[in-house]
């Protein structure tokens, strides 16, 4: 009984205007459920720096990789709902993993959406020696042989993109799974694999250096920083959209006043010119202001679950 009363008292205090007004009174931790250096880590660090300036408190990045990001998300789910531990996740961790893994938490009901963050679309890229100069030619080339397609791991965005591509085009592919994008890219440049469906932030530098060939971006609009690369619609594969969007979530039960304050801080961070220039240069796109609310992130997540879970389950993709 005493424990129940104490828990109720703490919940009331946390949700009170006085406590919310003092928030944050100490450092905030952003859990990133992947190793340092990847696209999600890059987004988290850019946003964290701007949020830290806005609140006058440190924002610490804690990288917690494992099981496709589900380990880090699980840690956030079980953190105290006080606004001091948050999770920077993405389409993979908060949509795809639910179809691949038997999770010990509910992706929708055990977390509070805070704000949508920038998105990374994929580039369809190939090694320099591939004898195709357009996406239609690449599809024909891939139909004539078994193509080695590199992925960042089973169930990664690059894997899901390849599976969807095979389903929609009839291309013959053999996935080659790596422990991350970097080793896969090394082998693509070296000619050990043929094709990748890779986030633009990873591939653009190699495309610009002429180390690999780019055929299309998996979005409805061209990238601002690579306007010469056509969209999939323009290249002959309409509506082949794969968007690795990012978001910020808090543990379930975080006071709504704190969620609102965090959302406002993130919106300010997304409007920061340095943040925008840094992430836009990497091929990331920013959400419209109308999509910036916690409710909008929650709605997006649910709609993406409805779209992608049947695709992943029909392909019988299981987490390792």
C-alpha atoms as a PDB file:
ATOM      1  CA  UNK A   1       0.000   0.000   0.000  1.00  0.00           C
ATOM      2  CA  UNK A   2       2.804   2.411   0.938  1.00  0.00           C
ATOM      3  CA  UNK A   3       4.596   1.669  -2.359  1.00  0.00           C
ATOM      4  CA  UNK A   4       1.414   2.340  -4.327  1.00  0.00           C
ATOM      5  CA  UNK A   5       0.833   5.648  -2.525  1.00  0.00           C
ATOM      6  CA  UNK A   6       4.448   6.669  -3.075  1.00  0.00           C
ATOM      7  CA  UNK A   7       4.236   5.859  -6.792  1.00  0.00           C
ATOM      8  CA  UNK A   8       1.010   7.839  -7.121  1.00  0.00           C
ATOM      9  CA  UNK A   9       2.545  10.797  -5.315  1.00  0.00           C
ATOM     10  CA  UNK A  10       5.585  10.787  -7.598  1.00  0.00           C
ATOM     11  CA  UNK A  11       3.355  10.626 -10.696  1.00  0.00           C
ATOM     12  CA  UNK A  12       1.349  13.626  -9.476  1.00  0.00           C
ATOM     13  CA  UNK A  13       4.503  15.599  -8.728  1.00  0.00           C
ATOM     14  CA  UNK A  14       6.021  14.824 -12.095  1.00  0.00           C
ATOM     15  CA  UNK A  15       2.924  16.033 -13.905  1.00  0.00           C
ATOM     16  CA  UNK A  16       2.543  19.212 -11.894  1.00  0.00           C
ATOM     17  CA  UNK A  17       3.181  22.590 -13.535  1.00  0.00           C
ATOM     18  CA  UNK A  18       5.954  23.375 -11.035  1.00  0.00           C
ATOM     19  CA  UNK A  19       7.969  20.278 -11.887  1.00  0.00           C
ATOM     20  CA  UNK A  20       7.409  20.781 -15.614  1.00  0.00           C
ATOM     21  CA  UNK A  21       8.532  24.407 -15.368  1.00  0.00           C
ATOM     22  CA  UNK A  22      11.819  23.249 -13.850  1.00  0.00           C
ATOM     23  CA  UNK A  23      12.390  20.675 -16.581  1.00  0.00           C
ATOM     24  CA  UNK A  24      15.094  19.982 -17.512  1.00  0.00           C
ATOM     25  CA  UNK A  25      17.096  20.449 -14.341  1.00  0.00           C
ATOM     26  CA  UNK A  26      19.890  18.073 -15.388  1.00  0.00           C
ATOM     27  CA  UNK A  27      21.333  16.254 -18.386  1.00  0.00           C
ATOM     28  CA  UNK A  28      19.026  14.496 -20.859  1.00  0.00           C
ATOM     29  CA  UNK A  29      20.029  11.189 -22.446  1.00  0.00           C
ATOM     30  CA  UNK A  30      19.217  10.304 -26.035  1.00  0.00           C
ATOM     31  CA  UNK A  31      19.480   6.547 -26.529  1.00  0.00           C
ATOM     32  CA  UNK A  32      20.538   5.679 -30.073  1.00  0.00           C
ATOM     33  CA  UNK A  33      19.845   1.983 -30.732  1.00  0.00           C
ATOM     34  CA  UNK A  34      22.720   1.632 -33.212  1.00  0.00           C
ATOM     35  CA  UNK A  35      26.489   1.974 -33.176  1.00  0.00           C
ATOM     36  CA  UNK A  36      28.043   5.424 -33.454  1.00  0.00           C
ATOM     37  CA  UNK A  37      28.586   6.867 -36.897  1.00  0.00           C
ATOM     38  CA  UNK A  38      25.453   5.686 -38.721  1.00  0.00           C
ATOM     39  CA  UNK A  39      22.600   7.838 -40.072  1.00  0.00           C
ATOM     40  CA  UNK A  40      20.460   7.600 -36.913  1.00  0.00           C
ATOM     41  CA  UNK A  41      23.433   8.506 -34.733  1.00  0.00           C
ATOM     42  CA  UNK A  42      24.190  11.465 -37.007  1.00  0.00           C
ATOM     43  CA  UNK A  43      20.615  12.747 -36.760  1.00  0.00           C
ATOM     44  CA  UNK A  44      20.581  12.285 -32.989  1.00  0.00           C
ATOM     45  CA  UNK A  45      23.832  14.182 -32.472  1.00  0.00           C
ATOM     46  CA  UNK A  46      22.758  17.081 -34.683  1.00  0.00           C
ATOM     47  CA  UNK A  47      19.445  17.448 -32.854  1.00  0.00           C
ATOM     48  CA  UNK A  48      21.028  16.889 -29.438  1.00  0.00           C
ATOM     49  CA  UNK A  49      23.473  19.737 -29.919  1.00  0.00           C
ATOM     50  CA  UNK A  50      20.722  22.195 -30.783  1.00  0.00           C
ATOM     51  CA  UNK A  51      18.449  21.004 -27.950  1.00  0.00           C
ATOM     52  CA  UNK A  52      21.309  21.324 -25.475  1.00  0.00           C
ATOM     53  CA  UNK A  53      21.820  24.951 -26.454  1.00  0.00           C
ATOM     54  CA  UNK A  54      18.100  25.574 -26.087  1.00  0.00           C
ATOM     55  CA  UNK A  55      17.823  24.223 -22.528  1.00  0.00           C
ATOM     56  CA  UNK A  56      21.268  24.981 -21.149  1.00  0.00           C
ATOM     57  CA  UNK A  57      21.756  21.354 -20.126  1.00  0.00           C
ATOM     58  CA  UNK A  58      23.888  18.606 -21.668  1.00  0.00           C
ATOM     59  CA  UNK A  59      22.208  16.121 -23.992  1.00  0.00           C
ATOM     60  CA  UNK A  60      24.147  12.880 -23.828  1.00  0.00           C
ATOM     61  CA  UNK A  61      24.151  10.315 -26.633  1.00  0.00           C
ATOM     62  CA  UNK A  62      24.139   6.698 -25.434  1.00  0.00           C
ATOM     63  CA  UNK A  63      24.662   4.152 -28.208  1.00  0.00           C
ATOM     64  CA  UNK A  64      22.938   0.858 -27.366  1.00  0.00           C
ATOM     65  CA  UNK A  65      23.137  -1.422 -30.443  1.00  0.00           C
ATOM     66  CA  UNK A  66      21.844  -4.970 -30.716  1.00  0.00           C
ATOM     67  CA  UNK A  67      19.075  -7.042 -32.334  1.00  0.00           C
ATOM     68  CA  UNK A  68      18.339  -4.504 -35.054  1.00  0.00           C
ATOM     69  CA  UNK A  69      17.955  -1.713 -32.518  1.00  0.00           C
ATOM     70  CA  UNK A  70      15.429  -3.522 -30.335  1.00  0.00           C
ATOM     71  CA  UNK A  71      17.820  -3.687 -27.371  1.00  0.00           C
ATOM     72  CA  UNK A  72      18.119   0.092 -27.200  1.00  0.00           C
ATOM     73  CA  UNK A  73      14.391   0.614 -27.636  1.00  0.00           C
ATOM     74  CA  UNK A  74      13.755  -1.866 -24.811  1.00  0.00           C
ATOM     75  CA  UNK A  75      16.021   0.106 -22.514  1.00  0.00           C
ATOM     76  CA  UNK A  76      14.058   3.272 -23.250  1.00  0.00           C
ATOM     77  CA  UNK A  77      10.735   1.504 -22.661  1.00  0.00           C
ATOM     78  CA  UNK A  78      11.835   0.555 -19.153  1.00  0.00           C
ATOM     79  CA  UNK A  79      13.396   3.924 -18.284  1.00  0.00           C
ATOM     80  CA  UNK A  80      11.803   6.308 -15.812  1.00  0.00           C
ATOM     81  CA  UNK A  81       9.075   8.390 -17.533  1.00  0.00           C
ATOM     82  CA  UNK A  82      10.499  11.706 -16.398  1.00  0.00           C
ATOM     83  CA  UNK A  83      11.737  13.158 -19.685  1.00  0.00           C
ATOM     84  CA  UNK A  84      15.403  12.503 -18.990  1.00  0.00           C
ATOM     85  CA  UNK A  85      15.768   9.329 -21.060  1.00  0.00           C
ATOM     86  CA  UNK A  86      14.515   9.380 -24.650  1.00  0.00           C
ATOM     87  CA  UNK A  87      14.948   7.150 -27.676  1.00  0.00           C
ATOM     88  CA  UNK A  88      15.927   8.325 -31.156  1.00  0.00           C
ATOM     89  CA  UNK A  89      14.541   5.589 -33.382  1.00  0.00           C
ATOM     90  CA  UNK A  90      13.544   5.148 -36.980  1.00  0.00           C
ATOM     91  CA  UNK A  91      11.385   3.251 -39.433  1.00  0.00           C
ATOM     92  CA  UNK A  92      13.328   0.058 -38.766  1.00  0.00           C
ATOM     93  CA  UNK A  93      13.233   0.136 -34.969  1.00  0.00           C
ATOM     94  CA  UNK A  94       9.668   1.384 -34.572  1.00  0.00           C
ATOM     95  CA  UNK A  95       7.951  -0.364 -37.474  1.00  0.00           C
ATOM     96  CA  UNK A  96       9.915  -3.193 -39.126  1.00  0.00           C
ATOM     97  CA  UNK A  97      11.209  -4.792 -35.917  1.00  0.00           C
ATOM     98  CA  UNK A  98       7.674  -5.475 -34.772  1.00  0.00           C
ATOM     99  CA  UNK A  99       7.183  -7.835 -37.726  1.00  0.00           C
ATOM    100  CA  UNK A 100      10.594  -9.504 -37.378  1.00  0.00           C
ATOM    101  CA  UNK A 101      11.138 -10.019 -33.663  1.00  0.00           C
ATOM    102  CA  UNK A 102       9.139 -11.276 -30.722  1.00  0.00           C
ATOM    103  CA  UNK A 103       9.498  -8.081 -28.730  1.00  0.00           C
ATOM    104  CA  UNK A 104       9.027  -7.838 -24.980  1.00  0.00           C
ATOM    105  CA  UNK A 105       7.322  -4.493 -25.381  1.00  0.00           C
ATOM    106  CA  UNK A 106       4.655  -2.907 -27.581  1.00  0.00           C
ATOM    107  CA  UNK A 107       6.026  -0.425 -30.117  1.00  0.00           C
ATOM    108  CA  UNK A 108       2.889   1.707 -30.069  1.00  0.00           C
ATOM    109  CA  UNK A 109       1.530   1.406 -26.532  1.00  0.00           C
ATOM    110  CA  UNK A 110       4.751   1.413 -24.478  1.00  0.00           C
ATOM    111  CA  UNK A 111       6.206   4.663 -25.810  1.00  0.00           C
ATOM    112  CA  UNK A 112       5.068   8.281 -26.115  1.00  0.00           C
ATOM    113  CA  UNK A 113       5.666   9.930 -29.517  1.00  0.00           C
ATOM    114  CA  UNK A 114       7.498  13.233 -29.117  1.00  0.00           C
ATOM    115  CA  UNK A 115       8.516  14.534 -32.545  1.00  0.00           C
ATOM    116  CA  UNK A 116       9.282  13.437 -36.068  1.00  0.00           C
ATOM    117  CA  UNK A 117      12.887  13.949 -37.184  1.00  0.00           C
ATOM    118  CA  UNK A 118      14.514  14.107 -40.651  1.00  0.00           C
ATOM    119  CA  UNK A 119      14.173  11.229 -43.099  1.00  0.00           C
ATOM    120  CA  UNK A 120      16.671   9.377 -45.253  1.00  0.00           C
ATOM    121  CA  UNK A 121      15.568   8.027 -48.600  1.00  0.00           C
ATOM    122  CA  UNK A 122      17.466   5.271 -50.328  1.00  0.00           C
ATOM    123  CA  UNK A 123      19.598   5.419 -53.417  1.00  0.00           C
ATOM    124  CA  UNK A 124      19.599   2.459 -55.768  1.00  0.00           C
ATOM    125  CA  UNK A 125      23.317   2.076 -56.446  1.00  0.00           C
ATOM    126  CA  UNK A 126      25.602  -0.423 -58.171  1.00  0.00           C
ATOM    127  CA  UNK A 127      29.281  -1.138 -58.627  1.00  0.00           C
ATOM    128  CA  UNK A 128      30.976   0.775 -61.442  1.00  0.00           C
ATOM    129  CA  UNK A 129      31.301  -2.280 -63.678  1.00  0.00           C
ATOM    130  CA  UNK A 130      27.578  -2.976 -63.961  1.00  0.00           C
ATOM    131  CA  UNK A 131      26.570  -2.668 -67.623  1.00  0.00           C
ATOM    132  CA  UNK A 132      23.483  -0.527 -67.084  1.00  0.00           C
ATOM    133  CA  UNK A 133      23.094   3.215 -67.460  1.00  0.00           C
ATOM    134  CA  UNK A 134      19.486   3.650 -66.348  1.00  0.00           C
ATOM    135  CA  UNK A 135      17.151   2.045 -63.840  1.00  0.00           C
ATOM    136  CA  UNK A 136      15.244   0.211 -66.570  1.00  0.00           C
ATOM    137  CA  UNK A 137      18.525  -1.157 -67.891  1.00  0.00           C
ATOM    138  CA  UNK A 138      19.533  -2.170 -64.368  1.00  0.00           C
ATOM    139  CA  UNK A 139      16.280  -4.108 -63.903  1.00  0.00           C
ATOM    140  CA  UNK A 140      16.863  -5.917 -67.212  1.00  0.00           C
ATOM    141  CA  UNK A 141      20.463  -6.642 -66.210  1.00  0.00           C
ATOM    142  CA  UNK A 142      19.340  -8.050 -62.842  1.00  0.00           C
ATOM    143  CA  UNK A 143      16.726 -10.266 -64.492  1.00  0.00           C
ATOM    144  CA  UNK A 144      19.410 -11.882 -66.619  1.00  0.00           C
ATOM    145  CA  UNK A 145      21.521 -13.143 -63.715  1.00  0.00           C
ATOM    146  CA  UNK A 146      21.474 -13.712 -59.993  1.00  0.00           C
ATOM    147  CA  UNK A 147      22.544 -10.377 -58.553  1.00  0.00           C
ATOM    148  CA  UNK A 148      24.476 -10.087 -55.308  1.00  0.00           C
ATOM    149  CA  UNK A 149      22.766  -7.374 -53.282  1.00  0.00           C
ATOM    150  CA  UNK A 150      24.529  -6.106 -50.174  1.00  0.00           C
ATOM    151  CA  UNK A 151      22.567  -5.286 -47.029  1.00  0.00           C
ATOM    152  CA  UNK A 152      23.371  -3.864 -43.612  1.00  0.00           C
ATOM    153  CA  UNK A 153      21.927  -7.014 -42.030  1.00  0.00           C
ATOM    154  CA  UNK A 154      18.805  -9.141 -41.993  1.00  0.00           C
ATOM    155  CA  UNK A 155      15.744  -6.914 -41.746  1.00  0.00           C
ATOM    156  CA  UNK A 156      17.687  -3.699 -42.313  1.00  0.00           C
ATOM    157  CA  UNK A 157      16.261  -0.996 -44.554  1.00  0.00           C
ATOM    158  CA  UNK A 158      18.647  -2.084 -47.303  1.00  0.00           C
ATOM    159  CA  UNK A 159      17.350  -5.667 -47.007  1.00  0.00           C
ATOM    160  CA  UNK A 160      13.683  -4.638 -47.026  1.00  0.00           C
ATOM    161  CA  UNK A 161      14.304  -2.389 -50.027  1.00  0.00           C
ATOM    162  CA  UNK A 162      15.909  -5.256 -51.933  1.00  0.00           C
ATOM    163  CA  UNK A 163      13.056  -7.639 -51.117  1.00  0.00           C
ATOM    164  CA  UNK A 164      10.457  -5.111 -52.267  1.00  0.00           C
ATOM    165  CA  UNK A 165      12.458  -4.414 -55.446  1.00  0.00           C
ATOM    166  CA  UNK A 166      12.587  -8.107 -56.280  1.00  0.00           C
ATOM    167  CA  UNK A 167       8.848  -8.442 -55.687  1.00  0.00           C
ATOM    168  CA  UNK A 168       7.948  -5.483 -57.895  1.00  0.00           C
ATOM    169  CA  UNK A 169      10.404  -6.009 -60.769  1.00  0.00           C
ATOM    170  CA  UNK A 170      11.070  -9.745 -60.918  1.00  0.00           C
ATOM    171  CA  UNK A 171      14.812  -9.146 -60.565  1.00  0.00           C
ATOM    172  CA  UNK A 172      16.822 -12.158 -59.372  1.00  0.00           C
ATOM    173  CA  UNK A 173      18.719 -11.295 -56.224  1.00  0.00           C
ATOM    174  CA  UNK A 174      20.785 -13.035 -53.595  1.00  0.00           C
ATOM    175  CA  UNK A 175      21.068 -10.923 -50.422  1.00  0.00           C
ATOM    176  CA  UNK A 176      24.537 -10.730 -48.907  1.00  0.00           C
ATOM    177  CA  UNK A 177      24.158  -9.654 -45.282  1.00  0.00           C
ATOM    178  CA  UNK A 178      26.847  -7.633 -43.541  1.00  0.00           C
ATOM    179  CA  UNK A 179      27.216  -6.304 -40.025  1.00  0.00           C
ATOM    180  CA  UNK A 180      26.416  -2.759 -40.989  1.00  0.00           C
ATOM    181  CA  UNK A 181      26.497  -0.554 -44.063  1.00  0.00           C
ATOM    182  CA  UNK A 182      30.209   0.293 -44.033  1.00  0.00           C
ATOM    183  CA  UNK A 183      31.562  -3.194 -44.853  1.00  0.00           C
ATOM    184  CA  UNK A 184      28.860  -3.654 -47.492  1.00  0.00           C
ATOM    185  CA  UNK A 185      29.850  -0.390 -49.149  1.00  0.00           C
ATOM    186  CA  UNK A 186      33.509  -1.406 -49.128  1.00  0.00           C
ATOM    187  CA  UNK A 187      32.626  -4.570 -51.027  1.00  0.00           C
ATOM    188  CA  UNK A 188      30.387  -2.690 -53.456  1.00  0.00           C
ATOM    189  CA  UNK A 189      33.228  -0.316 -54.293  1.00  0.00           C
ATOM    190  CA  UNK A 190      35.570  -3.297 -54.584  1.00  0.00           C
ATOM    191  CA  UNK A 191      33.222  -5.164 -56.927  1.00  0.00           C
ATOM    192  CA  UNK A 192      32.524  -8.127 -54.627  1.00  0.00           C
ATOM    193  CA  UNK A 193      28.775  -7.379 -54.696  1.00  0.00           C
ATOM    194  CA  UNK A 194      26.659  -5.813 -57.420  1.00  0.00           C
ATOM    195  CA  UNK A 195      23.908  -3.600 -56.015  1.00  0.00           C
ATOM    196  CA  UNK A 196      22.766  -1.890 -52.820  1.00  0.00           C
ATOM    197  CA  UNK A 197      19.623  -0.105 -51.680  1.00  0.00           C
ATOM    198  CA  UNK A 198      21.376   2.291 -49.368  1.00  0.00           C
ATOM    199  CA  UNK A 199      20.497   5.412 -47.431  1.00  0.00           C
ATOM    200  CA  UNK A 200      21.579   8.482 -49.340  1.00  0.00           C
ATOM    201  CA  UNK A 201      23.658   9.738 -46.415  1.00  0.00           C
ATOM    202  CA  UNK A 202      25.917   6.707 -46.819  1.00  0.00           C
ATOM    203  CA  UNK A 203      26.058   6.480 -50.610  1.00  0.00           C
ATOM    204  CA  UNK A 204      26.209  10.078 -51.784  1.00  0.00           C
ATOM    205  CA  UNK A 205      29.903  10.621 -50.987  1.00  0.00           C
ATOM    206  CA  UNK A 206      30.815   7.507 -52.982  1.00  0.00           C
ATOM    207  CA  UNK A 207      28.565   8.548 -55.876  1.00  0.00           C
ATOM    208  CA  UNK A 208      30.143  11.997 -55.927  1.00  0.00           C
ATOM    209  CA  UNK A 209      33.615  10.453 -55.976  1.00  0.00           C
ATOM    210  CA  UNK A 210      32.660   8.253 -58.916  1.00  0.00           C
ATOM    211  CA  UNK A 211      33.268   5.064 -56.930  1.00  0.00           C
ATOM    212  CA  UNK A 212      29.738   3.691 -57.554  1.00  0.00           C
ATOM    213  CA  UNK A 213      26.809   4.366 -59.895  1.00  0.00           C
ATOM    214  CA  UNK A 214      23.453   5.801 -58.781  1.00  0.00           C
ATOM    215  CA  UNK A 215      20.220   5.083 -60.667  1.00  0.00           C
ATOM    216  CA  UNK A 216      17.391   6.601 -58.620  1.00  0.00           C
ATOM    217  CA  UNK A 217      16.288   7.934 -55.249  1.00  0.00           C
ATOM    218  CA  UNK A 218      13.333   6.169 -53.597  1.00  0.00           C
ATOM    219  CA  UNK A 219      11.216   9.283 -53.103  1.00  0.00           C
ATOM    220  CA  UNK A 220       8.739  11.445 -54.961  1.00  0.00           C
ATOM    221  CA  UNK A 221      11.155  14.404 -55.077  1.00  0.00           C
ATOM    222  CA  UNK A 222      14.797  14.689 -56.037  1.00  0.00           C
ATOM    223  CA  UNK A 223      17.366  15.305 -53.340  1.00  0.00           C
ATOM    224  CA  UNK A 224      18.354  18.940 -52.930  1.00  0.00           C
ATOM    225  CA  UNK A 225      22.008  17.972 -52.728  1.00  0.00           C
ATOM    226  CA  UNK A 226      21.901  15.558 -55.675  1.00  0.00           C
ATOM    227  CA  UNK A 227      19.416  17.014 -58.170  1.00  0.00           C
ATOM    228  CA  UNK A 228      20.971  15.050 -61.040  1.00  0.00           C
ATOM    229  CA  UNK A 229      19.753  11.706 -59.616  1.00  0.00           C
ATOM    230  CA  UNK A 230      16.198  10.971 -60.850  1.00  0.00           C
ATOM    231  CA  UNK A 231      13.358   9.827 -58.646  1.00  0.00           C
ATOM    232  CA  UNK A 232      12.027   6.283 -59.006  1.00  0.00           C
ATOM    233  CA  UNK A 233       8.930   7.754 -60.689  1.00  0.00           C
ATOM    234  CA  UNK A 234      11.080   9.481 -63.293  1.00  0.00           C
ATOM    235  CA  UNK A 235      13.333   6.458 -63.713  1.00  0.00           C
ATOM    236  CA  UNK A 236      10.508   4.035 -64.522  1.00  0.00           C
ATOM    237  CA  UNK A 237       9.575   2.438 -61.191  1.00  0.00           C
ATOM    238  CA  UNK A 238       6.588   4.503 -59.976  1.00  0.00           C
ATOM    239  CA  UNK A 239       5.827   4.743 -56.269  1.00  0.00           C
ATOM    240  CA  UNK A 240       8.765   2.600 -55.182  1.00  0.00           C
ATOM    241  CA  UNK A 241       9.149   4.700 -52.047  1.00  0.00           C
ATOM    242  CA  UNK A 242      11.350   3.598 -49.163  1.00  0.00           C
ATOM    243  CA  UNK A 243      11.721   6.296 -46.526  1.00  0.00           C
ATOM    244  CA  UNK A 244      13.769   5.690 -43.400  1.00  0.00           C
ATOM    245  CA  UNK A 245      12.177   8.359 -41.249  1.00  0.00           C
ATOM    246  CA  UNK A 246      13.423   9.127 -37.743  1.00  0.00           C
ATOM    247  CA  UNK A 247      11.593  10.097 -34.589  1.00  0.00           C
ATOM    248  CA  UNK A 248      11.964  10.863 -30.908  1.00  0.00           C
ATOM    249  CA  UNK A 249      10.009   8.904 -28.299  1.00  0.00           C
ATOM    250  CA  UNK A 250       9.737   8.954 -24.499  1.00  0.00           C
ATOM    251  CA  UNK A 251       8.753   6.154 -22.105  1.00  0.00           C
ATOM    252  CA  UNK A 252       5.021   5.642 -21.632  1.00  0.00           C
ATOM    253  CA  UNK A 253       3.657   7.815 -18.848  1.00  0.00           C
ATOM    254  CA  UNK A 254       5.935  10.788 -19.455  1.00  0.00           C
ATOM    255  CA  UNK A 255       3.892  13.857 -18.417  1.00  0.00           C
ATOM    256  CA  UNK A 256       2.230  15.540 -21.409  1.00  0.00           C
ATOM    257  CA  UNK A 257       3.655  18.914 -20.394  1.00  0.00           C
ATOM    258  CA  UNK A 258       7.169  17.507 -20.716  1.00  0.00           C
ATOM    259  CA  UNK A 259       6.349  15.878 -24.066  1.00  0.00           C
ATOM    260  CA  UNK A 260       5.058  19.237 -25.311  1.00  0.00           C
ATOM    261  CA  UNK A 261       8.177  21.020 -24.082  1.00  0.00           C
ATOM    262  CA  UNK A 262      10.430  18.445 -25.746  1.00  0.00           C
ATOM    263  CA  UNK A 263       8.474  18.772 -28.963  1.00  0.00           C
ATOM    264  CA  UNK A 264       8.923  22.555 -28.930  1.00  0.00           C
ATOM    265  CA  UNK A 265      12.657  22.131 -28.333  1.00  0.00           C
ATOM    266  CA  UNK A 266      12.932  19.722 -31.258  1.00  0.00           C
ATOM    267  CA  UNK A 267      11.000  22.049 -33.560  1.00  0.00           C
ATOM    268  CA  UNK A 268      13.430  24.824 -32.674  1.00  0.00           C
ATOM    269  CA  UNK A 269      16.348  22.460 -33.341  1.00  0.00           C
ATOM    270  CA  UNK A 270      14.928  21.493 -36.744  1.00  0.00           C
ATOM    271  CA  UNK A 271      14.719  25.164 -37.629  1.00  0.00           C
ATOM    272  CA  UNK A 272      18.354  25.800 -36.740  1.00  0.00           C
ATOM    273  CA  UNK A 273      20.265  26.749 -39.906  1.00  0.00           C
ATOM    274  CA  UNK A 274      23.383  24.798 -38.911  1.00  0.00           C
ATOM    275  CA  UNK A 275      21.365  21.631 -38.280  1.00  0.00           C
ATOM    276  CA  UNK A 276      19.509  21.994 -41.566  1.00  0.00           C
ATOM    277  CA  UNK A 277      22.656  22.596 -43.598  1.00  0.00           C
ATOM    278  CA  UNK A 278      24.481  19.691 -41.987  1.00  0.00           C
ATOM    279  CA  UNK A 279      21.730  17.123 -42.473  1.00  0.00           C
ATOM    280  CA  UNK A 280      20.560  18.361 -45.876  1.00  0.00           C
ATOM    281  CA  UNK A 281      24.116  17.973 -47.157  1.00  0.00           C
ATOM    282  CA  UNK A 282      23.888  14.299 -46.190  1.00  0.00           C
ATOM    283  CA  UNK A 283      20.770  13.788 -48.286  1.00  0.00           C
ATOM    284  CA  UNK A 284      18.289  13.968 -45.403  1.00  0.00           C
ATOM    285  CA  UNK A 285      14.925  15.693 -45.803  1.00  0.00           C
ATOM    286  CA  UNK A 286      13.034  17.568 -43.096  1.00  0.00           C
ATOM    287  CA  UNK A 287       9.393  16.967 -42.171  1.00  0.00           C
ATOM    288  CA  UNK A 288       6.806  19.613 -42.936  1.00  0.00           C
ATOM    289  CA  UNK A 289       5.775  21.714 -39.954  1.00  0.00           C
ATOM    290  CA  UNK A 290       2.308  20.140 -40.125  1.00  0.00           C
ATOM    291  CA  UNK A 291       3.900  16.750 -39.418  1.00  0.00           C
ATOM    292  CA  UNK A 292       5.823  17.913 -36.370  1.00  0.00           C
ATOM    293  CA  UNK A 293       3.395  17.132 -33.541  1.00  0.00           C
ATOM    294  CA  UNK A 294       3.528  14.064 -31.275  1.00  0.00           C
ATOM    295  CA  UNK A 295       0.144  12.989 -32.679  1.00  0.00           C
ATOM    296  CA  UNK A 296       1.480  13.179 -36.240  1.00  0.00           C
ATOM    297  CA  UNK A 297       4.434  10.928 -35.378  1.00  0.00           C
ATOM    298  CA  UNK A 298       2.080   8.443 -33.728  1.00  0.00           C
ATOM    299  CA  UNK A 299      -0.213   8.407 -36.754  1.00  0.00           C
ATOM    300  CA  UNK A 300       2.718   7.930 -39.125  1.00  0.00           C
ATOM    301  CA  UNK A 301       4.017   4.985 -37.130  1.00  0.00           C
ATOM    302  CA  UNK A 302       0.628   3.244 -37.150  1.00  0.00           C
ATOM    303  CA  UNK A 303       0.126   3.773 -40.883  1.00  0.00           C
ATOM    304  CA  UNK A 304       3.607   2.444 -41.651  1.00  0.00           C
ATOM    305  CA  UNK A 305       2.989  -0.649 -39.505  1.00  0.00           C
ATOM    306  CA  UNK A 306      -0.164  -1.326 -41.531  1.00  0.00           C
ATOM    307  CA  UNK A 307       1.798  -0.971 -44.789  1.00  0.00           C
ATOM    308  CA  UNK A 308       5.050  -2.791 -44.030  1.00  0.00           C
ATOM    309  CA  UNK A 309       4.214  -5.622 -41.631  1.00  0.00           C
ATOM    310  CA  UNK A 310       2.406  -7.665 -44.313  1.00  0.00           C
ATOM    311  CA  UNK A 311       5.376  -7.226 -46.681  1.00  0.00           C
ATOM    312  CA  UNK A 312       7.931  -8.348 -44.090  1.00  0.00           C
ATOM    313  CA  UNK A 313       5.823 -11.265 -42.884  1.00  0.00           C
ATOM    314  CA  UNK A 314       5.047 -12.498 -46.391  1.00  0.00           C
ATOM    315  CA  UNK A 315       8.785 -12.553 -47.118  1.00  0.00           C
ATOM    316  CA  UNK A 316       9.284 -14.529 -43.882  1.00  0.00           C
ATOM    317  CA  UNK A 317      12.069 -12.206 -42.698  1.00  0.00           C
ATOM    318  CA  UNK A 318      13.116 -13.102 -39.153  1.00  0.00           C
ATOM    319  CA  UNK A 319      15.473 -11.222 -36.851  1.00  0.00           C
ATOM    320  CA  UNK A 320      18.774 -12.845 -36.006  1.00  0.00           C
END
